[in-house]
PDB file of N, CA and C in Angstrom:
ATOM      1  N   MET A   1     119.831 113.335  94.340  1.00  0.00           N
ATOM      2  CA  MET A   1     119.433 112.675  95.584  1.00  0.00           C
ATOM      3  C   MET A   1     118.059 112.017  95.500  1.00  0.00           C
ATOM      4  N   SER A   2     117.980 110.701  95.850  1.00  0.00           N
ATOM      5  CA  SER A   2     116.643 110.051  95.607  1.00  0.00           C
ATOM      6  C   SER A   2     115.678 110.378  96.793  1.00  0.00           C
ATOM      7  N   LYS A   3     114.501 110.285  96.422  1.00  0.00           N
ATOM      8  CA  LYS A   3     113.402 110.659  97.389  1.00  0.00           C
ATOM      9  C   LYS A   3     112.837 109.412  97.848  1.00  0.00           C
ATOM     10  N   THR A   4     112.282 109.391  99.150  1.00  0.00           N
ATOM     11  CA  THR A   4     111.652 108.201  99.644  1.00  0.00           C
ATOM     12  C   THR A   4     110.184 108.287  99.069  1.00  0.00           C
ATOM     13  N   ALA A   5     109.535 107.200  99.136  1.00  0.00           N
ATOM     14  CA  ALA A   5     108.053 107.116  98.726  1.00  0.00           C
ATOM     15  C   ALA A   5     107.144 108.113  99.430  1.00  0.00           C
ATOM     16  N   GLN A   6     107.428 108.365 100.670  1.00  0.00           N
ATOM     17  CA  GLN A   6     106.662 109.357 101.495  1.00  0.00           C
ATOM     18  C   GLN A   6     106.901 110.710 100.944  1.00  0.00           C
ATOM     19  N   GLU A   7     108.106 111.013 100.599  1.00  0.00           N
ATOM     20  CA  GLU A   7     108.459 112.415 100.142  1.00  0.00           C
ATOM     21  C   GLU A   7     107.813 112.613  98.756  1.00  0.00           C
ATOM     22  N   VAL A   8     107.913 111.592  97.913  1.00  0.00           N
ATOM     23  CA  VAL A   8     107.197 111.645  96.578  1.00  0.00           C
ATOM     24  C   VAL A   8     105.682 111.914  96.784  1.00  0.00           C
ATOM     25  N   TYR A   9     105.066 111.109  97.684  1.00  0.00           N
ATOM     26  CA  TYR A   9     103.725 111.323  97.935  1.00  0.00           C
ATOM     27  C   TYR A   9     103.334 112.650  98.472  1.00  0.00           C
ATOM     28  N   SER A  10     104.114 113.102  99.405  1.00  0.00           N
ATOM     29  CA  SER A  10     103.741 114.476 100.063  1.00  0.00           C
ATOM     30  C   SER A  10     103.923 115.540  99.085  1.00  0.00           C
ATOM     31  N   GLN A  11     105.061 115.569  98.370  1.00  0.00           N
ATOM     32  CA  GLN A  11     105.337 116.635  97.409  1.00  0.00           C
ATOM     33  C   GLN A  11     104.653 116.668  96.095  1.00  0.00           C
ATOM     34  N   ILE A  12     104.342 115.424  95.642  1.00  0.00           N
ATOM     35  CA  ILE A  12     103.861 115.333  94.230  1.00  0.00           C
ATOM     36  C   ILE A  12     102.440 114.679  94.156  1.00  0.00           C
ATOM     37  N   VAL A  13     102.363 113.606  94.703  1.00  0.00           N
ATOM     38  CA  VAL A  13     101.028 112.768  94.428  1.00  0.00           C
ATOM     39  C   VAL A  13      99.879 113.355  95.208  1.00  0.00           C
ATOM     40  N   ASN A  14     100.229 113.841  96.561  1.00  0.00           N
ATOM     41  CA  ASN A  14      99.161 114.461  97.273  1.00  0.00           C
ATOM     42  C   ASN A  14      98.493 115.576  96.655  1.00  0.00           C
ATOM     43  N   ILE A  15      99.137 116.292  95.810  1.00  0.00           N
ATOM     44  CA  ILE A  15      98.543 117.509  95.277  1.00  0.00           C
ATOM     45  C   ILE A  15      97.787 117.309  93.968  1.00  0.00           C
ATOM     46  N   LEU A  16      97.801 115.969  93.555  1.00  0.00           N
ATOM     47  CA  LEU A  16      97.113 115.608  92.205  1.00  0.00           C
ATOM     48  C   LEU A  16      95.739 115.552  92.568  1.00  0.00           C
ATOM     49  N   SER A  17      94.819 115.645  91.487  1.00  0.00           N
ATOM     50  CA  SER A  17      93.377 115.492  91.589  1.00  0.00           C
ATOM     51  C   SER A  17      93.115 114.023  91.937  1.00  0.00           C
ATOM     52  N   LEU A  18      91.965 113.676  92.315  1.00  0.00           N
ATOM     53  CA  LEU A  18      91.583 112.217  92.607  1.00  0.00           C
ATOM     54  C   LEU A  18      91.781 111.448  91.420  1.00  0.00           C
ATOM     55  N   ASP A  19      91.321 111.973  90.224  1.00  0.00           N
ATOM     56  CA  ASP A  19      91.338 111.268  88.939  1.00  0.00           C
ATOM     57  C   ASP A  19      92.828 110.905  88.580  1.00  0.00           C
ATOM     58  N   GLU A  20      93.709 111.920  88.756  1.00  0.00           N
ATOM     59  CA  GLU A  20      95.097 111.735  88.425  1.00  0.00           C
ATOM     60  C   GLU A  20      95.722 110.833  89.428  1.00  0.00           C
ATOM     61  N   ARG A  21      95.422 110.822  90.671  1.00  0.00           N
ATOM     62  CA  ARG A  21      95.922 109.790  91.677  1.00  0.00           C
ATOM     63  C   ARG A  21      95.501 108.337  91.322  1.00  0.00           C
ATOM     64  N   LEU A  22      94.237 108.152  90.912  1.00  0.00           N
ATOM     65  CA  LEU A  22      93.789 106.840  90.482  1.00  0.00           C
ATOM     66  C   LEU A  22      94.618 106.357  89.216  1.00  0.00           C
ATOM     67  N   ARG A  23      94.655 107.409  88.226  1.00  0.00           N
ATOM     68  CA  ARG A  23      95.399 107.039  87.042  1.00  0.00           C
ATOM     69  C   ARG A  23      96.828 106.653  87.335  1.00  0.00           C
ATOM     70  N   LEU A  24      97.538 107.328  88.320  1.00  0.00           N
ATOM     71  CA  LEU A  24      98.901 107.005  88.706  1.00  0.00           C
ATOM     72  C   LEU A  24      98.920 105.601  89.403  1.00  0.00           C
ATOM     73  N   ALA A  25      97.972 105.292  90.274  1.00  0.00           N
ATOM     74  CA  ALA A  25      97.906 104.055  90.966  1.00  0.00           C
ATOM     75  C   ALA A  25      97.751 102.943  89.956  1.00  0.00           C
ATOM     76  N   THR A  26      96.951 103.135  88.858  1.00  0.00           N
ATOM     77  CA  THR A  26      96.634 102.119  87.864  1.00  0.00           C
ATOM     78  C   THR A  26      97.982 101.893  87.029  1.00  0.00           C
ATOM     79  N   LEU A  27      98.662 102.987  86.760  1.00  0.00           N
ATOM     80  CA  LEU A  27      99.949 102.901  86.044  1.00  0.00           C
ATOM     81  C   LEU A  27     101.023 101.970  86.779  1.00  0.00           C
ATOM     82  N   ILE A  28     101.076 102.314  88.014  1.00  0.00           N
ATOM     83  CA  ILE A  28     101.978 101.662  88.982  1.00  0.00           C
ATOM     84  C   ILE A  28     101.673 100.171  89.059  1.00  0.00           C
ATOM     85  N   LEU A  29     100.317  99.847  89.377  1.00  0.00           N
ATOM     86  CA  LEU A  29      99.975  98.452  89.492  1.00  0.00           C
ATOM     87  C   LEU A  29     100.092  97.780  88.200  1.00  0.00           C
ATOM     88  N   ASN A  30      99.760  98.351  87.050  1.00  0.00           N
ATOM     89  CA  ASN A  30      99.907  97.714  85.798  1.00  0.00           C
ATOM     90  C   ASN A  30     101.447  97.376  85.423  1.00  0.00           C
ATOM     91  N   ASP A  31     102.336  98.294  85.796  1.00  0.00           N
ATOM     92  CA  ASP A  31     103.706  98.128  85.636  1.00  0.00           C
ATOM     93  C   ASP A  31     104.232  97.006  86.421  1.00  0.00           C
ATOM     94  N   LEU A  32     103.735  96.874  87.787  1.00  0.00           N
ATOM     95  CA  LEU A  32     104.202  95.860  88.654  1.00  0.00           C
ATOM     96  C   LEU A  32     103.733  94.353  88.113  1.00  0.00           C
ATOM     97  N   THR A  33     102.553  94.341  87.609  1.00  0.00           N
ATOM     98  CA  THR A  33     102.005  93.097  87.080  1.00  0.00           C
ATOM     99  C   THR A  33     102.827  92.664  85.820  1.00  0.00           C
ATOM    100  N   GLN A  34     103.171  93.649  85.006  1.00  0.00           N
ATOM    101  CA  GLN A  34     103.881  93.259  83.694  1.00  0.00           C
ATOM    102  C   GLN A  34     105.337  92.875  84.154  1.00  0.00           C
ATOM    103  N   GLN A  35     105.829  93.321  85.135  1.00  0.00           N
ATOM    104  CA  GLN A  35     107.143  92.988  85.459  1.00  0.00           C
ATOM    105  C   GLN A  35     107.256  91.580  86.192  1.00  0.00           C
ATOM    106  N   ASN A  36     106.069  91.049  86.566  1.00  0.00           N
ATOM    107  CA  ASN A  36     105.995  89.764  87.239  1.00  0.00           C
ATOM    108  C   ASN A  36     106.710  89.750  88.486  1.00  0.00           C
ATOM    109  N   VAL A  37     106.509  90.869  89.319  1.00  0.00           N
ATOM    110  CA  VAL A  37     107.232  91.085  90.528  1.00  0.00           C
ATOM    111  C   VAL A  37     106.484  90.243  91.603  1.00  0.00           C
ATOM    112  N   SER A  38     107.308  89.409  92.360  1.00  0.00           N
ATOM    113  CA  SER A  38     106.653  88.560  93.350  1.00  0.00           C
ATOM    114  C   SER A  38     107.059  89.288  94.691  1.00  0.00           C
ATOM    115  N   VAL A  39     105.969  89.798  95.343  1.00  0.00           N
ATOM    116  CA  VAL A  39     106.218  90.459  96.562  1.00  0.00           C
ATOM    117  C   VAL A  39     105.710  89.596  97.740  1.00  0.00           C
ATOM    118  N   VAL A  40     105.169  88.432  97.503  1.00  0.00           N
ATOM    119  CA  VAL A  40     104.738  87.540  98.522  1.00  0.00           C
ATOM    120  C   VAL A  40     105.753  86.345  98.599  1.00  0.00           C
ATOM    121  N   GLU A  41     106.412  86.281  99.722  1.00  0.00           N
ATOM    122  CA  GLU A  41     107.365  85.074  99.870  1.00  0.00           C
ATOM    123  C   GLU A  41     106.561  83.856 100.169  1.00  0.00           C
ATOM    124  N   ARG A  42     106.975  82.796  99.726  1.00  0.00           N
ATOM    125  CA  ARG A  42     106.420  81.485  99.925  1.00  0.00           C
ATOM    126  C   ARG A  42     106.175  81.225 101.531  1.00  0.00           C
ATOM    127  N   SER A  43     107.085  81.749 102.238  1.00  0.00           N
ATOM    128  CA  SER A  43     107.018  81.510 103.852  1.00  0.00           C
ATOM    129  C   SER A  43     105.824  82.388 104.370  1.00  0.00           C
ATOM    130  N   ASP A  44     105.353  83.400 103.650  1.00  0.00           N
ATOM    131  CA  ASP A  44     104.314  84.203 104.137  1.00  0.00           C
ATOM    132  C   ASP A  44     102.856  83.619 103.868  1.00  0.00           C
ATOM    133  N   THR A  45     102.820  82.589 103.028  1.00  0.00           N
ATOM    134  CA  THR A  45     101.483  81.983 102.539  1.00  0.00           C
ATOM    135  C   THR A  45     101.032  81.116 103.650  1.00  0.00           C
ATOM    136  N   TRP A  46      99.721  80.732 103.608  1.00  0.00           N
ATOM    137  CA  TRP A  46      99.146  79.813 104.544  1.00  0.00           C
ATOM    138  C   TRP A  46      99.097  78.478 103.991  1.00  0.00           C
ATOM    139  N   SER A  47      99.474  77.563 104.840  1.00  0.00           N
ATOM    140  CA  SER A  47      99.429  76.121 104.432  1.00  0.00           C
ATOM    141  C   SER A  47      98.066  75.630 104.350  1.00  0.00           C
ATOM    142  N   GLU A  48      97.691  74.495 103.753  1.00  0.00           N
ATOM    143  CA  GLU A  48      96.290  73.947 103.762  1.00  0.00           C
ATOM    144  C   GLU A  48      95.864  73.693 105.144  1.00  0.00           C
ATOM    145  N   GLN A  49      96.755  73.326 106.060  1.00  0.00           N
ATOM    146  CA  GLN A  49      96.456  73.073 107.472  1.00  0.00           C
ATOM    147  C   GLN A  49      96.032  74.353 108.175  1.00  0.00           C
ATOM    148  N   ASP A  50      96.784  75.410 107.843  1.00  0.00           N
ATOM    149  CA  ASP A  50      96.555  76.675 108.484  1.00  0.00           C
ATOM    150  C   ASP A  50      95.055  77.183 108.060  1.00  0.00           C
ATOM    151  N   GLN A  51      94.668  76.924 106.834  1.00  0.00           N
ATOM    152  CA  GLN A  51      93.512  77.475 106.296  1.00  0.00           C
ATOM    153  C   GLN A  51      92.360  76.523 107.013  1.00  0.00           C
ATOM    154  N   LEU A  52      92.649  75.251 107.108  1.00  0.00           N
ATOM    155  CA  LEU A  52      91.655  74.304 107.771  1.00  0.00           C
ATOM    156  C   LEU A  52      91.377  74.818 109.276  1.00  0.00           C
ATOM    157  N   GLU A  53      92.396  75.087 109.881  1.00  0.00           N
ATOM    158  CA  GLU A  53      92.368  75.545 111.323  1.00  0.00           C
ATOM    159  C   GLU A  53      91.648  76.836 111.409  1.00  0.00           C
ATOM    160  N   LEU A  54      91.789  77.666 110.560  1.00  0.00           N
ATOM    161  CA  LEU A  54      91.048  78.897 110.500  1.00  0.00           C
ATOM    162  C   LEU A  54      89.513  78.843 110.304  1.00  0.00           C
ATOM    163  N   VAL A  55      89.224  77.927 109.355  1.00  0.00           N
ATOM    164  CA  VAL A  55      87.843  77.659 109.000  1.00  0.00           C
ATOM    165  C   VAL A  55      87.249  76.990 110.178  1.00  0.00           C
ATOM    166  N   THR A  56      87.845  76.050 110.809  1.00  0.00           N
ATOM    167  CA  THR A  56      87.278  75.336 111.939  1.00  0.00           C
ATOM    168  C   THR A  56      87.106  76.368 113.081  1.00  0.00           C
ATOM    169  N   PHE A  57      88.072  77.236 113.385  1.00  0.00           N
ATOM    170  CA  PHE A  57      87.936  78.102 114.497  1.00  0.00           C
ATOM    171  C   PHE A  57      86.724  79.106 114.144  1.00  0.00           C
ATOM    172  N   SER A  58      86.619  79.557 112.967  1.00  0.00           N
ATOM    173  CA  SER A  58      85.686  80.561 112.460  1.00  0.00           C
ATOM    174  C   SER A  58      84.159  79.892 112.635  1.00  0.00           C
ATOM    175  N   LEU A  59      84.038  78.704 112.237  1.00  0.00           N
ATOM    176  CA  LEU A  59      82.734  77.943 112.349  1.00  0.00           C
ATOM    177  C   LEU A  59      82.410  77.863 113.862  1.00  0.00           C
ATOM    178  N   GLN A  60      83.385  77.424 114.632  1.00  0.00           N
ATOM    179  CA  GLN A  60      83.049  77.139 116.159  1.00  0.00           C
ATOM    180  C   GLN A  60      82.657  78.470 116.723  1.00  0.00           C
ATOM    181  N   TYR A  61      83.314  79.660 116.330  1.00  0.00           N
ATOM    182  CA  TYR A  61      83.073  80.992 116.902  1.00  0.00           C
ATOM    183  C   TYR A  61      81.632  81.321 116.462  1.00  0.00           C
ATOM    184  N   ALA A  62      81.354  81.229 115.179  1.00  0.00           N
ATOM    185  CA  ALA A  62      80.008  81.669 114.713  1.00  0.00           C
ATOM    186  C   ALA A  62      79.012  80.825 115.377  1.00  0.00           C
ATOM    187  N   ALA A  63      79.095  79.531 115.592  1.00  0.00           N
ATOM    188  CA  ALA A  63      78.202  78.633 116.301  1.00  0.00           C
ATOM    189  C   ALA A  63      77.952  79.214 117.684  1.00  0.00           C
ATOM    190  N   THR A  64      78.982  79.600 118.345  1.00  0.00           N
ATOM    191  CA  THR A  64      78.871  80.144 119.731  1.00  0.00           C
ATOM    192  C   THR A  64      78.154  81.404 119.774  1.00  0.00           C
ATOM    193  N   ILE A  65      78.489  82.321 118.832  1.00  0.00           N
ATOM    194  CA  ILE A  65      77.738  83.570 118.732  1.00  0.00           C
ATOM    195  C   ILE A  65      76.338  83.435 118.509  1.00  0.00           C
ATOM    196  N   PHE A  66      76.009  82.547 117.394  1.00  0.00           N
ATOM    197  CA  PHE A  66      74.562  82.502 117.152  1.00  0.00           C
ATOM    198  C   PHE A  66      73.712  81.658 118.153  1.00  0.00           C
ATOM    199  N   SER A  67      74.357  80.779 118.846  1.00  0.00           N
ATOM    200  CA  SER A  67      73.613  80.089 119.934  1.00  0.00           C
ATOM    201  C   SER A  67      73.419  80.964 121.012  1.00  0.00           C
ATOM    202  N   GLU A  68      74.236  81.910 121.428  1.00  0.00           N
ATOM    203  CA  GLU A  68      74.061  82.903 122.398  1.00  0.00           C
ATOM    204  C   GLU A  68      72.910  83.892 122.079  1.00  0.00           C
ATOM    205  N   ALA A  69      72.880  84.096 120.720  1.00  0.00           N
ATOM    206  CA  ALA A  69      71.819  85.136 120.283  1.00  0.00           C
ATOM    207  C   ALA A  69      70.492  84.559 120.393  1.00  0.00           C
ATOM    208  N   GLU A  70      70.353  83.273 120.236  1.00  0.00           N
ATOM    209  CA  GLU A  70      69.046  82.589 120.218  1.00  0.00           C
ATOM    210  C   GLU A  70      68.513  82.314 121.750  1.00  0.00           C
ATOM    211  N   GLU A  71      69.356  82.440 122.655  1.00  0.00           N
ATOM    212  CA  GLU A  71      68.971  82.293 124.095  1.00  0.00           C
ATOM    213  C   GLU A  71      67.994  83.361 124.501  1.00  0.00           C
ATOM    214  N   PRO A  72      66.929  82.999 125.263  1.00  0.00           N
ATOM    215  CA  PRO A  72      65.963  84.137 125.678  1.00  0.00           C
ATOM    216  C   PRO A  72      66.580  85.116 126.687  1.00  0.00           C
TER     217      PRO A  72
END
């Protein structure tokens, strides 16, 4: 019977020392990068327009916050 990730974590990983948990995390991440696994779908990425709108909003928000902070 296969275990869920939560079961493996609770029964095995959680009892490991911090060093061993970090070593396990490194092994898992290295394995995933070597397999060239794509976990980000193209539809989940931001378009150039999305990024531009975020920057514009952020700069406008920062200008508002800093202008309010300068008022006596």
